[in-house]
Amino acid sequence: AESDEYFQSRPAASRIGAWASPQSAEIPNREFLEEAEKRFAADFGDKPPRPDHWGGYRLRPTEIEFWQGRPSRLHDRIHYQLDGTQWRITRLAP
């Protein structure tokens, strides 16, 4: 139900794209996607249903680190940690 609700909140073109794209599969060219988009748009109009393969996970992180490498090995490490409802942001040594 949550996936259905979120899918329906997406723009119609995005919902058609979910049908047209065999996500992460190798495709022969851009035209392959454009033709699939036309087919599904003709089939569904602006009310495509959610494909069975479309869904996701809800992530609720409590901690995230962003790392940016540098040639000197003095890399940037920015650490976010959830503290109640606020994110505490610190810089870590590499």
PDB file of N, CA and C in Angstrom:
ATOM      1  N   ALA A   1       0.824  -1.197   0.000  1.00  0.00           N
ATOM      2  CA  ALA A   1       0.000   0.000   0.000  1.00  0.00           C
ATOM      3  C   ALA A   1       0.871   1.265   0.000  1.00  0.00           C
ATOM      4  N   GLU A   2       1.963   1.241   0.763  1.00  0.00           N
ATOM      5  CA  GLU A   2       2.843   2.406   0.820  1.00  0.00           C
ATOM      6  C   GLU A   2       3.520   2.635  -0.528  1.00  0.00           C
ATOM      7  N   SER A   3       3.935   1.550  -1.192  1.00  0.00           N
ATOM      8  CA  SER A   3       4.539   1.674  -2.523  1.00  0.00           C
ATOM      9  C   SER A   3       3.528   2.211  -3.523  1.00  0.00           C
ATOM     10  N   ASP A   4       2.282   1.729  -3.458  1.00  0.00           N
ATOM     11  CA  ASP A   4       1.232   2.221  -4.359  1.00  0.00           C
ATOM     12  C   ASP A   4       1.015   3.719  -4.167  1.00  0.00           C
ATOM     13  N   GLU A   5       0.925   4.133  -2.921  1.00  0.00           N
ATOM     14  CA  GLU A   5       0.691   5.547  -2.623  1.00  0.00           C
ATOM     15  C   GLU A   5       1.837   6.410  -3.151  1.00  0.00           C
ATOM     16  N   TYR A   6       3.066   5.994  -2.900  1.00  0.00           N
ATOM     17  CA  TYR A   6       4.205   6.780  -3.367  1.00  0.00           C
ATOM     18  C   TYR A   6       4.266   6.788  -4.893  1.00  0.00           C
ATOM     19  N   PHE A   7       4.034   5.638  -5.524  1.00  0.00           N
ATOM     20  CA  PHE A   7       4.073   5.560  -6.986  1.00  0.00           C
ATOM     21  C   PHE A   7       3.065   6.534  -7.590  1.00  0.00           C
ATOM     22  N   GLN A   8       1.865   6.586  -7.047  1.00  0.00           N
ATOM     23  CA  GLN A   8       0.833   7.472  -7.581  1.00  0.00           C
ATOM     24  C   GLN A   8       1.148   8.951  -7.341  1.00  0.00           C
ATOM     25  N   SER A   9       2.015   9.256  -6.402  1.00  0.00           N
ATOM     26  CA  SER A   9       2.398  10.648  -6.140  1.00  0.00           C
ATOM     27  C   SER A   9       3.439  11.153  -7.137  1.00  0.00           C
ATOM     28  N   ARG A  10       4.041  10.245  -7.891  1.00  0.00           N
ATOM     29  CA  ARG A  10       5.092  10.605  -8.851  1.00  0.00           C
ATOM     30  C   ARG A  10       4.471  11.213 -10.108  1.00  0.00           C
ATOM     31  N   PRO A  11       5.203  12.048 -10.842  1.00  0.00           N
ATOM     32  CA  PRO A  11       4.684  12.581 -12.106  1.00  0.00           C
ATOM     33  C   PRO A  11       4.373  11.442 -13.083  1.00  0.00           C
ATOM     34  N   ALA A  12       3.391  11.653 -13.948  1.00  0.00           N
ATOM     35  CA  ALA A  12       2.973  10.613 -14.896  1.00  0.00           C
ATOM     36  C   ALA A  12       4.149  10.121 -15.736  1.00  0.00           C
ATOM     37  N   ALA A  13       5.008  11.026 -16.194  1.00  0.00           N
ATOM     38  CA  ALA A  13       6.149  10.614 -17.025  1.00  0.00           C
ATOM     39  C   ALA A  13       7.082   9.677 -16.259  1.00  0.00           C
ATOM     40  N   SER A  14       7.236   9.923 -14.973  1.00  0.00           N
ATOM     41  CA  SER A  14       8.073   9.056 -14.159  1.00  0.00           C
ATOM     42  C   SER A  14       7.440   7.679 -14.001  1.00  0.00           C
ATOM     43  N   ARG A  15       6.112   7.642 -13.862  1.00  0.00           N
ATOM     44  CA  ARG A  15       5.411   6.365 -13.725  1.00  0.00           C
ATOM     45  C   ARG A  15       5.499   5.558 -15.023  1.00  0.00           C
ATOM     46  N   ILE A  16       5.398   6.230 -16.166  1.00  0.00           N
ATOM     47  CA  ILE A  16       5.572   5.546 -17.459  1.00  0.00           C
ATOM     48  C   ILE A  16       7.006   5.039 -17.569  1.00  0.00           C
ATOM     49  N   GLY A  17       7.958   5.847 -17.128  1.00  0.00           N
ATOM     50  CA  GLY A  17       9.367   5.447 -17.171  1.00  0.00           C
ATOM     51  C   GLY A  17       9.646   4.192 -16.373  1.00  0.00           C
ATOM     52  N   ALA A  18       8.896   3.992 -15.297  1.00  0.00           N
ATOM     53  CA  ALA A  18       9.067   2.775 -14.495  1.00  0.00           C
ATOM     54  C   ALA A  18       8.703   1.537 -15.305  1.00  0.00           C
ATOM     55  N   TRP A  19       7.755   1.666 -16.193  1.00  0.00           N
ATOM     56  CA  TRP A  19       7.384   0.558 -17.077  1.00  0.00           C
ATOM     57  C   TRP A  19       8.382   0.430 -18.233  1.00  0.00           C
ATOM     58  N   ALA A  20       8.833   1.552 -18.778  1.00  0.00           N
ATOM     59  CA  ALA A  20       9.656   1.543 -19.989  1.00  0.00           C
ATOM     60  C   ALA A  20      11.085   1.077 -19.753  1.00  0.00           C
ATOM     61  N   SER A  21      11.607   1.301 -18.570  1.00  0.00           N
ATOM     62  CA  SER A  21      13.015   0.998 -18.312  1.00  0.00           C
ATOM     63  C   SER A  21      13.216  -0.354 -17.641  1.00  0.00           C
ATOM     64  N   PRO A  22      13.948  -1.257 -18.298  1.00  0.00           N
ATOM     65  CA  PRO A  22      14.350  -2.496 -17.610  1.00  0.00           C
ATOM     66  C   PRO A  22      15.575  -2.178 -16.750  1.00  0.00           C
ATOM     67  N   GLN A  23      15.371  -1.515 -15.661  1.00  0.00           N
ATOM     68  CA  GLN A  23      16.416  -0.889 -14.859  1.00  0.00           C
ATOM     69  C   GLN A  23      17.658  -1.747 -14.699  1.00  0.00           C
ATOM     70  N   SER A  24      18.784  -1.134 -15.015  1.00  0.00           N
ATOM     71  CA  SER A  24      20.132  -1.707 -14.892  1.00  0.00           C
ATOM     72  C   SER A  24      20.432  -2.796 -15.902  1.00  0.00           C
ATOM     73  N   ALA A  25      19.488  -3.146 -16.757  1.00  0.00           N
ATOM     74  CA  ALA A  25      19.766  -4.123 -17.812  1.00  0.00           C
ATOM     75  C   ALA A  25      20.448  -3.412 -18.974  1.00  0.00           C
ATOM     76  N   GLU A  26      21.295  -4.127 -19.675  1.00  0.00           N
ATOM     77  CA  GLU A  26      21.932  -3.563 -20.863  1.00  0.00           C
ATOM     78  C   GLU A  26      20.882  -3.391 -21.953  1.00  0.00           C
ATOM     79  N   ILE A  27      20.899  -2.237 -22.603  1.00  0.00           N
ATOM     80  CA  ILE A  27      19.958  -1.971 -23.694  1.00  0.00           C
ATOM     81  C   ILE A  27      20.746  -1.577 -24.941  1.00  0.00           C
ATOM     82  N   PRO A  28      20.160  -1.771 -26.126  1.00  0.00           N
ATOM     83  CA  PRO A  28      20.915  -1.529 -27.346  1.00  0.00           C
ATOM     84  C   PRO A  28      21.184  -0.057 -27.629  1.00  0.00           C
ATOM     85  N   ASN A  29      20.253   0.838 -27.246  1.00  0.00           N
ATOM     86  CA  ASN A  29      20.416   2.257 -27.564  1.00  0.00           C
ATOM     87  C   ASN A  29      19.317   3.068 -26.876  1.00  0.00           C
ATOM     88  N   ARG A  30      19.406   4.380 -27.000  1.00  0.00           N
ATOM     89  CA  ARG A  30      18.427   5.295 -26.396  1.00  0.00           C
ATOM     90  C   ARG A  30      17.032   5.092 -26.999  1.00  0.00           C
ATOM     91  N   GLU A  31      16.997   4.805 -28.300  1.00  0.00           N
ATOM     92  CA  GLU A  31      15.723   4.618 -28.993  1.00  0.00           C
ATOM     93  C   GLU A  31      14.907   3.483 -28.377  1.00  0.00           C
ATOM     94  N   PHE A  32      15.583   2.479 -27.849  1.00  0.00           N
ATOM     95  CA  PHE A  32      14.903   1.376 -27.179  1.00  0.00           C
ATOM     96  C   PHE A  32      14.006   1.902 -26.060  1.00  0.00           C
ATOM     97  N   LEU A  33      14.560   2.818 -25.249  1.00  0.00           N
ATOM     98  CA  LEU A  33      13.793   3.410 -24.146  1.00  0.00           C
ATOM     99  C   LEU A  33      12.667   4.293 -24.663  1.00  0.00           C
ATOM    100  N   GLU A  34      12.964   5.095 -25.666  1.00  0.00           N
ATOM    101  CA  GLU A  34      11.964   6.019 -26.194  1.00  0.00           C
ATOM    102  C   GLU A  34      10.789   5.274 -26.812  1.00  0.00           C
ATOM    103  N   GLU A  35      11.060   4.168 -27.510  1.00  0.00           N
ATOM    104  CA  GLU A  35       9.979   3.367 -28.090  1.00  0.00           C
ATOM    105  C   GLU A  35       9.157   2.689 -26.995  1.00  0.00           C
ATOM    106  N   ALA A  36       9.820   2.181 -25.975  1.00  0.00           N
ATOM    107  CA  ALA A  36       9.106   1.563 -24.859  1.00  0.00           C
ATOM    108  C   ALA A  36       8.239   2.605 -24.157  1.00  0.00           C
ATOM    109  N   GLU A  37       8.759   3.801 -23.987  1.00  0.00           N
ATOM    110  CA  GLU A  37       7.988   4.874 -23.359  1.00  0.00           C
ATOM    111  C   GLU A  37       6.721   5.166 -24.167  1.00  0.00           C
ATOM    112  N   LYS A  38       6.847   5.251 -25.483  1.00  0.00           N
ATOM    113  CA  LYS A  38       5.675   5.497 -26.341  1.00  0.00           C
ATOM    114  C   LYS A  38       4.647   4.378 -26.212  1.00  0.00           C
ATOM    115  N   ARG A  39       5.106   3.133 -26.209  1.00  0.00           N
ATOM    116  CA  ARG A  39       4.190   1.987 -26.092  1.00  0.00           C
ATOM    117  C   ARG A  39       3.404   2.033 -24.783  1.00  0.00           C
ATOM    118  N   PHE A  40       4.127   2.237 -23.682  1.00  0.00           N
ATOM    119  CA  PHE A  40       3.458   2.232 -22.382  1.00  0.00           C
ATOM    120  C   PHE A  40       2.566   3.460 -22.198  1.00  0.00           C
ATOM    121  N   ALA A  41       2.962   4.593 -22.737  1.00  0.00           N
ATOM    122  CA  ALA A  41       2.114   5.786 -22.671  1.00  0.00           C
ATOM    123  C   ALA A  41       0.820   5.545 -23.443  1.00  0.00           C
ATOM    124  N   ALA A  42       0.911   4.879 -24.584  1.00  0.00           N
ATOM    125  CA  ALA A  42      -0.289   4.559 -25.363  1.00  0.00           C
ATOM    126  C   ALA A  42      -1.172   3.561 -24.613  1.00  0.00           C
ATOM    127  N   ASP A  43      -0.547   2.609 -23.945  1.00  0.00           N
ATOM    128  CA  ASP A  43      -1.304   1.593 -23.197  1.00  0.00           C
ATOM    129  C   ASP A  43      -2.001   2.168 -21.966  1.00  0.00           C
ATOM    130  N   PHE A  44      -1.300   3.041 -21.230  1.00  0.00           N
ATOM    131  CA  PHE A  44      -1.789   3.479 -19.924  1.00  0.00           C
ATOM    132  C   PHE A  44      -2.287   4.922 -19.865  1.00  0.00           C
ATOM    133  N   GLY A  45      -1.939   5.743 -20.851  1.00  0.00           N
ATOM    134  CA  GLY A  45      -2.265   7.163 -20.752  1.00  0.00           C
ATOM    135  C   GLY A  45      -1.526   7.777 -19.580  1.00  0.00           C
ATOM    136  N   ASP A  46      -2.205   8.640 -18.834  1.00  0.00           N
ATOM    137  CA  ASP A  46      -1.532   9.276 -17.694  1.00  0.00           C
ATOM    138  C   ASP A  46      -1.886   8.603 -16.369  1.00  0.00           C
ATOM    139  N   LYS A  47      -2.393   7.366 -16.425  1.00  0.00           N
ATOM    140  CA  LYS A  47      -2.742   6.642 -15.191  1.00  0.00           C
ATOM    141  C   LYS A  47      -2.149   5.234 -15.171  1.00  0.00           C
ATOM    142  N   PRO A  48      -0.837   5.134 -15.316  1.00  0.00           N
ATOM    143  CA  PRO A  48      -0.245   3.790 -15.269  1.00  0.00           C
ATOM    144  C   PRO A  48      -0.312   3.205 -13.862  1.00  0.00           C
ATOM    145  N   PRO A  49      -0.629   1.922 -13.758  1.00  0.00           N
ATOM    146  CA  PRO A  49      -0.587   1.272 -12.447  1.00  0.00           C
ATOM    147  C   PRO A  49       0.860   1.025 -12.038  1.00  0.00           C
ATOM    148  N   ARG A  50       1.057   0.734 -10.781  1.00  0.00           N
ATOM    149  CA  ARG A  50       2.416   0.415 -10.319  1.00  0.00           C
ATOM    150  C   ARG A  50       2.805  -0.967 -10.830  1.00  0.00           C
ATOM    151  N   PRO A  51       3.979  -1.071 -11.503  1.00  0.00           N
ATOM    152  CA  PRO A  51       4.449  -2.391 -11.926  1.00  0.00           C
ATOM    153  C   PRO A  51       4.733  -3.274 -10.708  1.00  0.00           C
ATOM    154  N   ASP A  52       4.538  -4.568 -10.864  1.00  0.00           N
ATOM    155  CA  ASP A  52       4.809  -5.496  -9.759  1.00  0.00           C
ATOM    156  C   ASP A  52       6.256  -5.414  -9.291  1.00  0.00           C
ATOM    157  N   HIS A  53       7.172  -5.121 -10.225  1.00  0.00           N
ATOM    158  CA  HIS A  53       8.596  -5.091  -9.881  1.00  0.00           C
ATOM    159  C   HIS A  53       9.019  -3.781  -9.225  1.00  0.00           C
ATOM    160  N   TRP A  54       8.122  -2.813  -9.122  1.00  0.00           N
ATOM    161  CA  TRP A  54       8.483  -1.491  -8.616  1.00  0.00           C
ATOM    162  C   TRP A  54       8.176  -1.408  -7.125  1.00  0.00           C
ATOM    163  N   GLY A  55       9.155  -1.019  -6.361  1.00  0.00           N
ATOM    164  CA  GLY A  55       8.986  -0.870  -4.924  1.00  0.00           C
ATOM    165  C   GLY A  55      10.255  -0.303  -4.338  1.00  0.00           C
ATOM    166  N   GLY A  56      10.411  -0.467  -3.094  1.00  0.00           N
ATOM    167  CA  GLY A  56      11.621   0.059  -2.499  1.00  0.00           C
ATOM    168  C   GLY A  56      11.689  -0.235  -1.023  1.00  0.00           C
ATOM    169  N   TYR A  57      12.652   0.388  -0.409  1.00  0.00           N
ATOM    170  CA  TYR A  57      12.871   0.264   1.023  1.00  0.00           C
ATOM    171  C   TYR A  57      12.843   1.652   1.628  1.00  0.00           C
ATOM    172  N   ARG A  58      12.323   1.765   2.796  1.00  0.00           N
ATOM    173  CA  ARG A  58      12.387   3.025   3.523  1.00  0.00           C
ATOM    174  C   ARG A  58      13.584   2.926   4.471  1.00  0.00           C
ATOM    175  N   LEU A  59      14.531   3.801   4.261  1.00  0.00           N
ATOM    176  CA  LEU A  59      15.704   3.846   5.123  1.00  0.00           C
ATOM    177  C   LEU A  59      15.541   4.972   6.130  1.00  0.00           C
ATOM    178  N   ARG A  60      15.862   4.668   7.364  1.00  0.00           N
ATOM    179  CA  ARG A  60      15.842   5.672   8.418  1.00  0.00           C
ATOM    180  C   ARG A  60      17.207   5.654   9.106  1.00  0.00           C
ATOM    181  N   PRO A  61      18.170   6.278   8.454  1.00  0.00           N
ATOM    182  CA  PRO A  61      19.524   6.222   9.009  1.00  0.00           C
ATOM    183  C   PRO A  61      19.634   6.999  10.313  1.00  0.00           C
ATOM    184  N   THR A  62      20.530   6.534  11.131  1.00  0.00           N
ATOM    185  CA  THR A  62      20.850   7.245  12.364  1.00  0.00           C
ATOM    186  C   THR A  62      22.281   7.766  12.320  1.00  0.00           C
ATOM    187  N   GLU A  63      23.011   7.316  11.293  1.00  0.00           N
ATOM    188  CA  GLU A  63      24.414   7.706  11.175  1.00  0.00           C
ATOM    189  C   GLU A  63      24.823   7.583   9.706  1.00  0.00           C
ATOM    190  N   ILE A  64      25.509   8.616   9.189  1.00  0.00           N
ATOM    191  CA  ILE A  64      25.983   8.627   7.807  1.00  0.00           C
ATOM    192  C   ILE A  64      27.359   9.275   7.793  1.00  0.00           C
ATOM    193  N   GLU A  65      28.244   8.758   6.938  1.00  0.00           N
ATOM    194  CA  GLU A  65      29.551   9.396   6.767  1.00  0.00           C
ATOM    195  C   GLU A  65      29.797   9.625   5.284  1.00  0.00           C
ATOM    196  N   PHE A  66      30.195  10.842   4.951  1.00  0.00           N
ATOM    197  CA  PHE A  66      30.601  11.176   3.588  1.00  0.00           C
ATOM    198  C   PHE A  66      32.114  11.261   3.574  1.00  0.00           C
ATOM    199  N   TRP A  67      32.705  10.642   2.569  1.00  0.00           N
ATOM    200  CA  TRP A  67      34.151  10.552   2.472  1.00  0.00           C
ATOM    201  C   TRP A  67      34.576  11.058   1.109  1.00  0.00           C
ATOM    202  N   GLN A  68      35.520  11.974   1.075  1.00  0.00           N
ATOM    203  CA  GLN A  68      36.060  12.489  -0.186  1.00  0.00           C
ATOM    204  C   GLN A  68      37.558  12.276  -0.159  1.00  0.00           C
ATOM    205  N   GLY A  69      38.038  11.428  -1.064  1.00  0.00           N
ATOM    206  CA  GLY A  69      39.468  11.131  -1.110  1.00  0.00           C
ATOM    207  C   GLY A  69      40.281  12.279  -1.671  1.00  0.00           C
ATOM    208  N   ARG A  70      41.493  12.386  -1.199  1.00  0.00           N
ATOM    209  CA  ARG A  70      42.438  13.390  -1.697  1.00  0.00           C
ATOM    210  C   ARG A  70      43.777  12.705  -1.939  1.00  0.00           C
ATOM    211  N   PRO A  71      44.539  13.182  -2.917  1.00  0.00           N
ATOM    212  CA  PRO A  71      45.828  12.552  -3.230  1.00  0.00           C
ATOM    213  C   PRO A  71      46.783  12.521  -2.034  1.00  0.00           C
ATOM    214  N   SER A  72      46.675  13.506  -1.149  1.00  0.00           N
ATOM    215  CA  SER A  72      47.588  13.576  -0.006  1.00  0.00           C
ATOM    216  C   SER A  72      47.227  12.586   1.093  1.00  0.00           C
ATOM    217  N   ARG A  73      46.146  11.883   0.918  1.00  0.00           N
ATOM    218  CA  ARG A  73      45.603  10.971   1.923  1.00  0.00           C
ATOM    219  C   ARG A  73      45.021  11.715   3.124  1.00  0.00           C
ATOM    220  N   LEU A  74      45.003  13.040   3.067  1.00  0.00           N
ATOM    221  CA  LEU A  74      44.316  13.807   4.096  1.00  0.00           C
ATOM    222  C   LEU A  74      42.866  13.966   3.641  1.00  0.00           C
ATOM    223  N   HIS A  75      42.184  12.850   3.594  1.00  0.00           N
ATOM    224  CA  HIS A  75      40.824  12.791   3.078  1.00  0.00           C
ATOM    225  C   HIS A  75      39.859  13.576   3.959  1.00  0.00           C
ATOM    226  N   ASP A  76      38.776  14.045   3.339  1.00  0.00           N
ATOM    227  CA  ASP A  76      37.695  14.679   4.088  1.00  0.00           C
ATOM    228  C   ASP A  76      36.715  13.601   4.523  1.00  0.00           C
ATOM    229  N   ARG A  77      36.376  13.606   5.790  1.00  0.00           N
ATOM    230  CA  ARG A  77      35.371  12.688   6.336  1.00  0.00           C
ATOM    231  C   ARG A  77      34.405  13.526   7.168  1.00  0.00           C
ATOM    232  N   ILE A  78      33.165  13.584   6.711  1.00  0.00           N
ATOM    233  CA  ILE A  78      32.139  14.331   7.416  1.00  0.00           C
ATOM    234  C   ILE A  78      31.127  13.325   7.961  1.00  0.00           C
ATOM    235  N   HIS A  79      30.929  13.363   9.249  1.00  0.00           N
ATOM    236  CA  HIS A  79      30.109  12.383   9.947  1.00  0.00           C
ATOM    237  C   HIS A  79      28.829  13.049  10.457  1.00  0.00           C
ATOM    238  N   TYR A  80      27.697  12.448  10.133  1.00  0.00           N
ATOM    239  CA  TYR A  80      26.391  12.909  10.604  1.00  0.00           C
ATOM    240  C   TYR A  80      25.843  11.846  11.549  1.00  0.00           C
ATOM    241  N   GLN A  81      25.408  12.272  12.712  1.00  0.00           N
ATOM    242  CA  GLN A  81      24.809  11.337  13.671  1.00  0.00           C
ATOM    243  C   GLN A  81      23.526  11.953  14.213  1.00  0.00           C
ATOM    244  N   LEU A  82      22.444  11.178  14.117  1.00  0.00           N
ATOM    245  CA  LEU A  82      21.151  11.656  14.579  1.00  0.00           C
ATOM    246  C   LEU A  82      21.129  11.672  16.104  1.00  0.00           C
ATOM    247  N   ASP A  83      20.786  12.835  16.646  1.00  0.00           N
ATOM    248  CA  ASP A  83      20.688  13.005  18.094  1.00  0.00           C
ATOM    249  C   ASP A  83      19.278  13.511  18.376  1.00  0.00           C
ATOM    250  N   GLY A  84      18.373  12.597  18.667  1.00  0.00           N
ATOM    251  CA  GLY A  84      16.969  12.963  18.813  1.00  0.00           C
ATOM    252  C   GLY A  84      16.382  13.265  17.440  1.00  0.00           C
ATOM    253  N   THR A  85      16.067  14.534  17.206  1.00  0.00           N
ATOM    254  CA  THR A  85      15.546  14.945  15.897  1.00  0.00           C
ATOM    255  C   THR A  85      16.538  15.824  15.136  1.00  0.00           C
ATOM    256  N   GLN A  86      17.714  16.014  15.690  1.00  0.00           N
ATOM    257  CA  GLN A  86      18.728  16.874  15.073  1.00  0.00           C
ATOM    258  C   GLN A  86      19.928  16.059  14.640  1.00  0.00           C
ATOM    259  N   TRP A  87      20.545  16.499  13.537  1.00  0.00           N
ATOM    260  CA  TRP A  87      21.779  15.845  13.079  1.00  0.00           C
ATOM    261  C   TRP A  87      22.975  16.552  13.673  1.00  0.00           C
ATOM    262  N   ARG A  88      23.845  15.810  14.308  1.00  0.00           N
ATOM    263  CA  ARG A  88      25.117  16.323  14.826  1.00  0.00           C
ATOM    264  C   ARG A  88      26.157  16.082  13.725  1.00  0.00           C
ATOM    265  N   ILE A  89      26.823  17.132  13.289  1.00  0.00           N
ATOM    266  CA  ILE A  89      27.774  17.037  12.173  1.00  0.00           C
ATOM    267  C   ILE A  89      29.172  17.288  12.699  1.00  0.00           C
ATOM    268  N   THR A  90      30.061  16.327  12.451  1.00  0.00           N
ATOM    269  CA  THR A  90      31.456  16.473  12.888  1.00  0.00           C
ATOM    270  C   THR A  90      32.382  16.094  11.742  1.00  0.00           C
ATOM    271  N   ARG A  91      33.603  16.554  11.846  1.00  0.00           N
ATOM    272  CA  ARG A  91      34.654  16.195  10.894  1.00  0.00           C
ATOM    273  C   ARG A  91      35.551  15.177  11.577  1.00  0.00           C
ATOM    274  N   LEU A  92      35.864  14.093  10.857  1.00  0.00           N
ATOM    275  CA  LEU A  92      36.731  13.054  11.400  1.00  0.00           C
ATOM    276  C   LEU A  92      38.092  13.096  10.725  1.00  0.00           C
ATOM    277  N   ALA A  93      39.103  12.726  11.457  1.00  0.00           N
ATOM    278  CA  ALA A  93      40.427  12.611  10.867  1.00  0.00           C
ATOM    279  C   ALA A  93      40.452  11.410   9.931  1.00  0.00           C
ATOM    280  N   PRO A  94      41.260  11.486   8.852  1.00  0.00           N
ATOM    281  CA  PRO A  94      41.313  10.342   7.925  1.00  0.00           C
ATOM    282  C   PRO A  94      41.978   9.132   8.547  1.00  0.00           C
TER     283      PRO A  94
END
